[in-house]
């Protein structure tokens, strides 16, 4: 009987761990989806502001700025900068 109880407890713990791992994976997937959507929107807005599509380097810089500075700051720069200033901001690795 002790073996069966041990097995049931062990199995219950494994099932709980599996559910928790699945929840964490779903949360991470949701977070990544939000970040991707945010990057896509910011890229489109920058492209409109610049009058051209972003280069791969500019898109990478934009993703880094969204991560480091946050969407509010990136939006502020996009909306308040002329095209030339936005281009310079995207090409400056130390831009804030």
PDB file of N, CA and C in Angstrom:
ATOM      1  N   UNK A   1       0.820  -1.194   0.000  1.00  0.00           N
ATOM      2  CA  UNK A   1       0.000   0.000   0.000  1.00  0.00           C
ATOM      3  C   UNK A   1       0.866   1.261   0.000  1.00  0.00           C
ATOM      4  N   UNK A   2       1.988   1.236   0.726  1.00  0.00           N
ATOM      5  CA  UNK A   2       2.844   2.412   0.767  1.00  0.00           C
ATOM      6  C   UNK A   2       3.384   2.762  -0.615  1.00  0.00           C
ATOM      7  N   UNK A   3       3.704   1.768  -1.392  1.00  0.00           N
ATOM      8  CA  UNK A   3       4.227   2.008  -2.732  1.00  0.00           C
ATOM      9  C   UNK A   3       3.183   2.699  -3.596  1.00  0.00           C
ATOM     10  N   UNK A   4       1.956   2.270  -3.493  1.00  0.00           N
ATOM     11  CA  UNK A   4       0.884   2.883  -4.287  1.00  0.00           C
ATOM     12  C   UNK A   4       0.684   4.341  -3.862  1.00  0.00           C
ATOM     13  N   UNK A   5       0.674   4.616  -2.572  1.00  0.00           N
ATOM     14  CA  UNK A   5       0.522   5.995  -2.089  1.00  0.00           C
ATOM     15  C   UNK A   5       1.681   6.864  -2.568  1.00  0.00           C
ATOM     16  N   UNK A   6       2.884   6.312  -2.476  1.00  0.00           N
ATOM     17  CA  UNK A   6       4.056   7.058  -2.939  1.00  0.00           C
ATOM     18  C   UNK A   6       3.924   7.377  -4.423  1.00  0.00           C
ATOM     19  N   UNK A   7       3.519   6.374  -5.206  1.00  0.00           N
ATOM     20  CA  UNK A   7       3.358   6.570  -6.646  1.00  0.00           C
ATOM     21  C   UNK A   7       2.296   7.628  -6.934  1.00  0.00           C
ATOM     22  N   UNK A   8       1.181   7.598  -6.256  1.00  0.00           N
ATOM     23  CA  UNK A   8       0.109   8.577  -6.484  1.00  0.00           C
ATOM     24  C   UNK A   8       0.578   9.983  -6.128  1.00  0.00           C
ATOM     25  N   UNK A   9       1.311  10.113  -5.031  1.00  0.00           N
ATOM     26  CA  UNK A   9       1.847  11.423  -4.653  1.00  0.00           C
ATOM     27  C   UNK A   9       2.858  11.912  -5.694  1.00  0.00           C
ATOM     28  N   UNK A  10       3.737  10.991  -6.096  1.00  0.00           N
ATOM     29  CA  UNK A  10       4.739  11.340  -7.097  1.00  0.00           C
ATOM     30  C   UNK A  10       4.061  11.753  -8.396  1.00  0.00           C
ATOM     31  N   UNK A  11       3.079  11.010  -8.828  1.00  0.00           N
ATOM     32  CA  UNK A  11       2.360  11.303 -10.059  1.00  0.00           C
ATOM     33  C   UNK A  11       1.615  12.637  -9.954  1.00  0.00           C
ATOM     34  N   UNK A  12       1.022  12.913  -8.814  1.00  0.00           N
ATOM     35  CA  UNK A  12       0.318  14.184  -8.619  1.00  0.00           C
ATOM     36  C   UNK A  12       1.297  15.350  -8.708  1.00  0.00           C
ATOM     37  N   UNK A  13       2.479  15.184  -8.110  1.00  0.00           N
ATOM     38  CA  UNK A  13       3.498  16.250  -8.181  1.00  0.00           C
ATOM     39  C   UNK A  13       3.949  16.466  -9.623  1.00  0.00           C
ATOM     40  N   UNK A  14       4.167  15.393 -10.339  1.00  0.00           N
ATOM     41  CA  UNK A  14       4.600  15.501 -11.741  1.00  0.00           C
ATOM     42  C   UNK A  14       3.534  16.199 -12.585  1.00  0.00           C
ATOM     43  N   UNK A  15       2.272  15.872 -12.359  1.00  0.00           N
ATOM     44  CA  UNK A  15       1.181  16.509 -13.103  1.00  0.00           C
ATOM     45  C   UNK A  15       1.106  17.994 -12.777  1.00  0.00           C
ATOM     46  N   UNK A  16       1.278  18.333 -11.501  1.00  0.00           N
ATOM     47  CA  UNK A  16       1.257  19.733 -11.089  1.00  0.00           C
ATOM     48  C   UNK A  16       2.421  20.489 -11.729  1.00  0.00           C
ATOM     49  N   UNK A  17       3.593  19.904 -11.717  1.00  0.00           N
ATOM     50  CA  UNK A  17       4.755  20.531 -12.337  1.00  0.00           C
ATOM     51  C   UNK A  17       4.547  20.726 -13.837  1.00  0.00           C
ATOM     52  N   UNK A  18       3.949  19.756 -14.481  1.00  0.00           N
ATOM     53  CA  UNK A  18       3.685  19.856 -15.917  1.00  0.00           C
ATOM     54  C   UNK A  18       2.699  20.986 -16.213  1.00  0.00           C
ATOM     55  N   UNK A  19       1.647  21.086 -15.392  1.00  0.00           N
ATOM     56  CA  UNK A  19       0.678  22.179 -15.586  1.00  0.00           C
ATOM     57  C   UNK A  19       1.338  23.530 -15.377  1.00  0.00           C
ATOM     58  N   UNK A  20       2.163  23.645 -14.335  1.00  0.00           N
ATOM     59  CA  UNK A  20       2.853  24.902 -14.059  1.00  0.00           C
ATOM     60  C   UNK A  20       3.814  25.270 -15.184  1.00  0.00           C
ATOM     61  N   UNK A  21       4.514  24.285 -15.722  1.00  0.00           N
ATOM     62  CA  UNK A  21       5.431  24.530 -16.832  1.00  0.00           C
ATOM     63  C   UNK A  21       4.659  24.987 -18.072  1.00  0.00           C
ATOM     64  N   UNK A  22       3.516  24.377 -18.306  1.00  0.00           N
ATOM     65  CA  UNK A  22       2.690  24.766 -19.448  1.00  0.00           C
ATOM     66  C   UNK A  22       2.177  26.201 -19.277  1.00  0.00           C
ATOM     67  N   UNK A  23       1.760  26.560 -18.082  1.00  0.00           N
ATOM     68  CA  UNK A  23       1.300  27.925 -17.822  1.00  0.00           C
ATOM     69  C   UNK A  23       2.417  28.930 -18.047  1.00  0.00           C
ATOM     70  N   UNK A  24       3.626  28.608 -17.585  1.00  0.00           N
ATOM     71  CA  UNK A  24       4.770  29.506 -17.797  1.00  0.00           C
ATOM     72  C   UNK A  24       5.071  29.669 -19.283  1.00  0.00           C
ATOM     73  N   UNK A  25       4.988  28.573 -20.023  1.00  0.00           N
ATOM     74  CA  UNK A  25       5.236  28.621 -21.468  1.00  0.00           C
ATOM     75  C   UNK A  25       4.182  29.479 -22.166  1.00  0.00           C
ATOM     76  N   UNK A  26       2.935  29.343 -21.751  1.00  0.00           N
ATOM     77  CA  UNK A  26       1.866  30.149 -22.342  1.00  0.00           C
ATOM     78  C   UNK A  26       2.065  31.623 -22.039  1.00  0.00           C
ATOM     79  N   UNK A  27       2.447  31.938 -20.809  1.00  0.00           N
ATOM     80  CA  UNK A  27       2.687  33.327 -20.434  1.00  0.00           C
ATOM     81  C   UNK A  27       3.835  33.914 -21.243  1.00  0.00           C
ATOM     82  N   UNK A  28       4.904  33.137 -21.413  1.00  0.00           N
ATOM     83  CA  UNK A  28       6.051  33.604 -22.188  1.00  0.00           C
ATOM     84  C   UNK A  28       5.657  33.800 -23.647  1.00  0.00           C
ATOM     85  N   UNK A  29       4.876  32.889 -24.190  1.00  0.00           N
ATOM     86  CA  UNK A  29       4.400  33.030 -25.558  1.00  0.00           C
ATOM     87  C   UNK A  29       3.546  34.265 -25.737  1.00  0.00           C
ATOM     88  N   UNK A  30       2.697  34.529 -24.764  1.00  0.00           N
ATOM     89  CA  UNK A  30       1.856  35.726 -24.803  1.00  0.00           C
ATOM     90  C   UNK A  30       2.730  36.978 -24.773  1.00  0.00           C
ATOM     91  N   UNK A  31       3.721  36.984 -23.904  1.00  0.00           N
ATOM     92  CA  UNK A  31       4.632  38.128 -23.790  1.00  0.00           C
ATOM     93  C   UNK A  31       5.399  38.344 -25.095  1.00  0.00           C
ATOM     94  N   UNK A  32       5.900  37.283 -25.685  1.00  0.00           N
ATOM     95  CA  UNK A  32       6.625  37.408 -26.948  1.00  0.00           C
ATOM     96  C   UNK A  32       5.714  37.907 -28.059  1.00  0.00           C
ATOM     97  N   UNK A  33       4.475  37.445 -28.064  1.00  0.00           N
ATOM     98  CA  UNK A  33       3.515  37.922 -29.052  1.00  0.00           C
ATOM     99  C   UNK A  33       3.246  39.412 -28.910  1.00  0.00           C
ATOM    100  N   UNK A  34       3.131  39.865 -27.675  1.00  0.00           N
ATOM    101  CA  UNK A  34       2.921  41.295 -27.448  1.00  0.00           C
ATOM    102  C   UNK A  34       4.130  42.105 -27.906  1.00  0.00           C
ATOM    103  N   UNK A  35       5.322  41.615 -27.612  1.00  0.00           N
ATOM    104  CA  UNK A  35       6.532  42.325 -28.018  1.00  0.00           C
ATOM    105  C   UNK A  35       6.642  42.385 -29.540  1.00  0.00           C
ATOM    106  N   UNK A  36       6.321  41.280 -30.210  1.00  0.00           N
ATOM    107  CA  UNK A  36       6.370  41.261 -31.663  1.00  0.00           C
ATOM    108  C   UNK A  36       5.352  42.228 -32.257  1.00  0.00           C
ATOM    109  N   UNK A  37       4.154  42.231 -31.723  1.00  0.00           N
ATOM    110  CA  UNK A  37       3.132  43.164 -32.195  1.00  0.00           C
ATOM    111  C   UNK A  37       3.539  44.608 -31.989  1.00  0.00           C
ATOM    112  N   UNK A  38       4.150  44.881 -30.859  1.00  0.00           N
ATOM    113  CA  UNK A  38       4.628  46.236 -30.556  1.00  0.00           C
ATOM    114  C   UNK A  38       5.717  46.645 -31.551  1.00  0.00           C
ATOM    115  N   UNK A  39       6.626  45.735 -31.846  1.00  0.00           N
ATOM    116  CA  UNK A  39       7.692  46.023 -32.806  1.00  0.00           C
ATOM    117  C   UNK A  39       7.127  46.241 -34.200  1.00  0.00           C
ATOM    118  N   UNK A  40       6.172  45.419 -34.601  1.00  0.00           N
ATOM    119  CA  UNK A  40       5.580  45.574 -35.930  1.00  0.00           C
ATOM    120  C   UNK A  40       4.879  46.925 -36.062  1.00  0.00           C
ATOM    121  N   UNK A  41       4.146  47.326 -35.038  1.00  0.00           N
ATOM    122  CA  UNK A  41       3.453  48.602 -35.092  1.00  0.00           C
ATOM    123  C   UNK A  41       4.445  49.755 -35.124  1.00  0.00           C
ATOM    124  N   UNK A  42       5.456  49.695 -34.274  1.00  0.00           N
ATOM    125  CA  UNK A  42       6.462  50.755 -34.245  1.00  0.00           C
ATOM    126  C   UNK A  42       7.208  50.823 -35.576  1.00  0.00           C
ATOM    127  N   UNK A  43       7.497  49.679 -36.168  1.00  0.00           N
ATOM    128  CA  UNK A  43       8.180  49.649 -37.467  1.00  0.00           C
ATOM    129  C   UNK A  43       7.329  50.311 -38.545  1.00  0.00           C
ATOM    130  N   UNK A  44       6.041  50.002 -38.535  1.00  0.00           N
ATOM    131  CA  UNK A  44       5.145  50.621 -39.529  1.00  0.00           C
ATOM    132  C   UNK A  44       5.078  52.130 -39.344  1.00  0.00           C
ATOM    133  N   UNK A  45       4.982  52.563 -38.088  1.00  0.00           N
ATOM    134  CA  UNK A  45       4.910  53.999 -37.836  1.00  0.00           C
ATOM    135  C   UNK A  45       6.206  54.700 -38.232  1.00  0.00           C
ATOM    136  N   UNK A  46       7.340  54.088 -37.926  1.00  0.00           N
ATOM    137  CA  UNK A  46       8.622  54.667 -38.340  1.00  0.00           C
ATOM    138  C   UNK A  46       8.716  54.724 -39.861  1.00  0.00           C
ATOM    139  N   UNK A  47       8.287  53.675 -40.532  1.00  0.00           N
ATOM    140  CA  UNK A  47       8.342  53.649 -41.995  1.00  0.00           C
ATOM    141  C   UNK A  47       7.497  54.770 -42.585  1.00  0.00           C
ATOM    142  N   UNK A  48       6.343  55.012 -42.016  1.00  0.00           N
ATOM    143  CA  UNK A  48       5.496  56.111 -42.485  1.00  0.00           C
ATOM    144  C   UNK A  48       6.202  57.439 -42.237  1.00  0.00           C
ATOM    145  N   UNK A  49       6.767  57.589 -41.066  1.00  0.00           N
ATOM    146  CA  UNK A  49       7.462  58.834 -40.714  1.00  0.00           C
ATOM    147  C   UNK A  49       8.666  59.078 -41.629  1.00  0.00           C
ATOM    148  N   UNK A  50       9.386  58.002 -41.967  1.00  0.00           N
ATOM    149  CA  UNK A  50      10.568  58.134 -42.809  1.00  0.00           C
ATOM    150  C   UNK A  50      10.242  58.153 -44.297  1.00  0.00           C
ATOM    151  N   UNK A  51       9.053  57.671 -44.651  1.00  0.00           N
ATOM    152  CA  UNK A  51       8.671  57.617 -46.056  1.00  0.00           C
ATOM    153  C   UNK A  51       9.327  56.467 -46.796  1.00  0.00           C
ATOM    154  N   UNK A  52       9.793  55.468 -46.061  1.00  0.00           N
ATOM    155  CA  UNK A  52      10.441  54.306 -46.653  1.00  0.00           C
ATOM    156  C   UNK A  52      10.429  53.166 -45.636  1.00  0.00           C
ATOM    157  N   UNK A  53      10.616  51.935 -46.112  1.00  0.00           N
ATOM    158  CA  UNK A  53      10.710  50.815 -45.165  1.00  0.00           C
ATOM    159  C   UNK A  53      11.990  50.917 -44.333  1.00  0.00           C
ATOM    160  N   UNK A  54      11.964  50.371 -43.148  1.00  0.00           N
ATOM    161  CA  UNK A  54      13.155  50.345 -42.308  1.00  0.00           C
ATOM    162  C   UNK A  54      14.128  49.292 -42.812  1.00  0.00           C
ATOM    163  N   UNK A  55      15.402  49.544 -42.625  1.00  0.00           N
ATOM    164  CA  UNK A  55      16.417  48.535 -42.934  1.00  0.00           C
ATOM    165  C   UNK A  55      16.411  47.491 -41.820  1.00  0.00           C
ATOM    166  N   UNK A  56      17.096  46.392 -42.045  1.00  0.00           N
ATOM    167  CA  UNK A  56      17.201  45.370 -40.996  1.00  0.00           C
ATOM    168  C   UNK A  56      17.886  45.941 -39.761  1.00  0.00           C
ATOM    169  N   UNK A  57      18.918  46.752 -39.968  1.00  0.00           N
ATOM    170  CA  UNK A  57      19.640  47.349 -38.839  1.00  0.00           C
ATOM    171  C   UNK A  57      18.735  48.298 -38.057  1.00  0.00           C
ATOM    172  N   UNK A  58      17.914  49.072 -38.759  1.00  0.00           N
ATOM    173  CA  UNK A  58      16.994  49.986 -38.083  1.00  0.00           C
ATOM    174  C   UNK A  58      15.922  49.225 -37.309  1.00  0.00           C
ATOM    175  N   UNK A  59      15.440  48.139 -37.880  1.00  0.00           N
ATOM    176  CA  UNK A  59      14.445  47.311 -37.189  1.00  0.00           C
ATOM    177  C   UNK A  59      15.046  46.697 -35.935  1.00  0.00           C
ATOM    178  N   UNK A  60      16.280  46.218 -36.036  1.00  0.00           N
ATOM    179  CA  UNK A  60      16.968  45.658 -34.863  1.00  0.00           C
ATOM    180  C   UNK A  60      17.177  46.731 -33.806  1.00  0.00           C
ATOM    181  N   UNK A  61      17.561  47.934 -34.227  1.00  0.00           N
ATOM    182  CA  UNK A  61      17.753  49.039 -33.282  1.00  0.00           C
ATOM    183  C   UNK A  61      16.430  49.403 -32.611  1.00  0.00           C
ATOM    184  N   UNK A  62      15.370  49.414 -33.385  1.00  0.00           N
ATOM    185  CA  UNK A  62      14.049  49.721 -32.836  1.00  0.00           C
ATOM    186  C   UNK A  62      13.633  48.678 -31.805  1.00  0.00           C
ATOM    187  N   UNK A  63      13.872  47.420 -32.094  1.00  0.00           N
ATOM    188  CA  UNK A  63      13.545  46.350 -31.138  1.00  0.00           C
ATOM    189  C   UNK A  63      14.350  46.525 -29.856  1.00  0.00           C
ATOM    190  N   UNK A  64      15.611  46.852 -29.988  1.00  0.00           N
ATOM    191  CA  UNK A  64      16.460  47.063 -28.812  1.00  0.00           C
ATOM    192  C   UNK A  64      15.969  48.254 -28.002  1.00  0.00           C
ATOM    193  N   UNK A  65      15.571  49.326 -28.673  1.00  0.00           N
ATOM    194  CA  UNK A  65      15.078  50.530 -27.967  1.00  0.00           C
ATOM    195  C   UNK A  65      13.764  50.249 -27.260  1.00  0.00           C
ATOM    196  N   UNK A  66      12.888  49.494 -27.900  1.00  0.00           N
ATOM    197  CA  UNK A  66      11.631  49.139 -27.242  1.00  0.00           C
ATOM    198  C   UNK A  66      11.902  48.356 -25.966  1.00  0.00           C
ATOM    199  N   UNK A  67      12.857  47.452 -26.042  1.00  0.00           N
ATOM    200  CA  UNK A  67      13.206  46.638 -24.875  1.00  0.00           C
ATOM    201  C   UNK A  67      13.884  47.478 -23.795  1.00  0.00           C
ATOM    202  N   UNK A  68      14.818  48.320 -24.199  1.00  0.00           N
ATOM    203  CA  UNK A  68      15.625  49.076 -23.237  1.00  0.00           C
ATOM    204  C   UNK A  68      14.915  50.322 -22.712  1.00  0.00           C
ATOM    205  N   UNK A  69      14.240  51.048 -23.605  1.00  0.00           N
ATOM    206  CA  UNK A  69      13.654  52.334 -23.225  1.00  0.00           C
ATOM    207  C   UNK A  69      12.152  52.279 -22.973  1.00  0.00           C
ATOM    208  N   UNK A  70      11.497  51.300 -23.572  1.00  0.00           N
ATOM    209  CA  UNK A  70      10.053  51.167 -23.406  1.00  0.00           C
ATOM    210  C   UNK A  70       9.278  51.842 -24.522  1.00  0.00           C
ATOM    211  N   UNK A  71       8.046  51.420 -24.670  1.00  0.00           N
ATOM    212  CA  UNK A  71       7.195  51.901 -25.760  1.00  0.00           C
ATOM    213  C   UNK A  71       6.872  53.379 -25.649  1.00  0.00           C
ATOM    214  N   UNK A  72       6.715  53.885 -24.434  1.00  0.00           N
ATOM    215  CA  UNK A  72       6.379  55.300 -24.285  1.00  0.00           C
ATOM    216  C   UNK A  72       7.479  56.191 -24.837  1.00  0.00           C
ATOM    217  N   UNK A  73       8.728  55.897 -24.504  1.00  0.00           N
ATOM    218  CA  UNK A  73       9.845  56.719 -24.986  1.00  0.00           C
ATOM    219  C   UNK A  73      10.015  56.580 -26.490  1.00  0.00           C
ATOM    220  N   UNK A  74       9.905  55.362 -27.004  1.00  0.00           N
ATOM    221  CA  UNK A  74      10.037  55.159 -28.442  1.00  0.00           C
ATOM    222  C   UNK A  74       8.936  55.911 -29.179  1.00  0.00           C
ATOM    223  N   UNK A  75       7.724  55.845 -28.698  1.00  0.00           N
ATOM    224  CA  UNK A  75       6.612  56.572 -29.322  1.00  0.00           C
ATOM    225  C   UNK A  75       6.855  58.070 -29.299  1.00  0.00           C
ATOM    226  N   UNK A  76       7.351  58.551 -28.179  1.00  0.00           N
ATOM    227  CA  UNK A  76       7.651  59.982 -28.056  1.00  0.00           C
ATOM    228  C   UNK A  76       8.659  60.413 -29.120  1.00  0.00           C
ATOM    229  N   UNK A  77       9.721  59.656 -29.283  1.00  0.00           N
ATOM    230  CA  UNK A  77      10.741  59.993 -30.281  1.00  0.00           C
ATOM    231  C   UNK A  77      10.157  59.906 -31.687  1.00  0.00           C
ATOM    232  N   UNK A  78       9.409  58.854 -31.985  1.00  0.00           N
ATOM    233  CA  UNK A  78       8.840  58.694 -33.327  1.00  0.00           C
ATOM    234  C   UNK A  78       7.909  59.834 -33.690  1.00  0.00           C
ATOM    235  N   UNK A  79       7.098  60.260 -32.736  1.00  0.00           N
ATOM    236  CA  UNK A  79       6.086  61.274 -33.032  1.00  0.00           C
ATOM    237  C   UNK A  79       6.612  62.700 -33.009  1.00  0.00           C
ATOM    238  N   UNK A  80       7.724  62.916 -32.305  1.00  0.00           N
ATOM    239  CA  UNK A  80       8.222  64.283 -32.177  1.00  0.00           C
ATOM    240  C   UNK A  80       9.440  64.576 -33.038  1.00  0.00           C
ATOM    241  N   UNK A  81       9.966  63.588 -33.732  1.00  0.00           N
ATOM    242  CA  UNK A  81      11.185  63.782 -34.518  1.00  0.00           C
ATOM    243  C   UNK A  81      10.894  63.888 -36.006  1.00  0.00           C
ATOM    244  N   UNK A  82      11.646  64.756 -36.651  1.00  0.00           N
ATOM    245  CA  UNK A  82      11.602  64.813 -38.110  1.00  0.00           C
ATOM    246  C   UNK A  82      12.261  63.545 -38.647  1.00  0.00           C
ATOM    247  N   UNK A  83      12.058  63.267 -39.915  1.00  0.00           N
ATOM    248  CA  UNK A  83      12.587  62.041 -40.511  1.00  0.00           C
ATOM    249  C   UNK A  83      14.101  61.936 -40.338  1.00  0.00           C
ATOM    250  N   UNK A  84      14.817  63.020 -40.552  1.00  0.00           N
ATOM    251  CA  UNK A  84      16.278  62.983 -40.426  1.00  0.00           C
ATOM    252  C   UNK A  84      16.699  62.698 -38.989  1.00  0.00           C
ATOM    253  N   UNK A  85      16.016  63.299 -38.037  1.00  0.00           N
ATOM    254  CA  UNK A  85      16.338  63.078 -36.624  1.00  0.00           C
ATOM    255  C   UNK A  85      15.999  61.644 -36.211  1.00  0.00           C
ATOM    256  N   UNK A  86      14.907  61.107 -36.723  1.00  0.00           N
ATOM    257  CA  UNK A  86      14.530  59.730 -36.415  1.00  0.00           C
ATOM    258  C   UNK A  86      15.559  58.758 -36.991  1.00  0.00           C
ATOM    259  N   UNK A  87      16.018  59.022 -38.204  1.00  0.00           N
ATOM    260  CA  UNK A  87      17.059  58.193 -38.815  1.00  0.00           C
ATOM    261  C   UNK A  87      18.324  58.221 -37.972  1.00  0.00           C
ATOM    262  N   UNK A  88      18.716  59.407 -37.519  1.00  0.00           N
ATOM    263  CA  UNK A  88      19.913  59.530 -36.677  1.00  0.00           C
ATOM    264  C   UNK A  88      19.719  58.799 -35.352  1.00  0.00           C
ATOM    265  N   UNK A  89      18.538  58.902 -34.763  1.00  0.00           N
ATOM    266  CA  UNK A  89      18.250  58.231 -33.490  1.00  0.00           C
ATOM    267  C   UNK A  89      18.345  56.725 -33.635  1.00  0.00           C
ATOM    268  N   UNK A  90      17.840  56.208 -34.762  1.00  0.00           N
ATOM    269  CA  UNK A  90      17.890  54.766 -34.994  1.00  0.00           C
ATOM    270  C   UNK A  90      19.318  54.271 -35.255  1.00  0.00           C
ATOM    271  N   UNK A  91      20.164  55.135 -35.799  1.00  0.00           N
ATOM    272  CA  UNK A  91      21.531  54.703 -36.108  1.00  0.00           C
ATOM    273  C   UNK A  91      22.498  54.915 -34.960  1.00  0.00           C
ATOM    274  N   UNK A  92      22.093  55.644 -33.927  1.00  0.00           N
ATOM    275  CA  UNK A  92      22.964  55.893 -32.772  1.00  0.00           C
ATOM    276  C   UNK A  92      22.761  54.804 -31.726  1.00  0.00           C
ATOM    277  N   UNK A  93      23.769  53.964 -31.486  1.00  0.00           N
ATOM    278  CA  UNK A  93      23.589  52.864 -30.534  1.00  0.00           C
ATOM    279  C   UNK A  93      23.409  53.323 -29.089  1.00  0.00           C
ATOM    280  N   UNK A  94      23.773  54.552 -28.803  1.00  0.00           N
ATOM    281  CA  UNK A  94      23.648  55.066 -27.426  1.00  0.00           C
ATOM    282  C   UNK A  94      22.449  55.988 -27.246  1.00  0.00           C
ATOM    283  N   UNK A  95      21.579  56.048 -28.228  1.00  0.00           N
ATOM    284  CA  UNK A  95      20.441  56.963 -28.179  1.00  0.00           C
ATOM    285  C   UNK A  95      19.509  56.611 -27.032  1.00  0.00           C
ATOM    286  N   UNK A  96      18.928  57.651 -26.459  1.00  0.00           N
ATOM    287  CA  UNK A  96      17.971  57.456 -25.378  1.00  0.00           C
ATOM    288  C   UNK A  96      16.650  58.106 -25.710  1.00  0.00           C
TER     289      UNK A  96
END
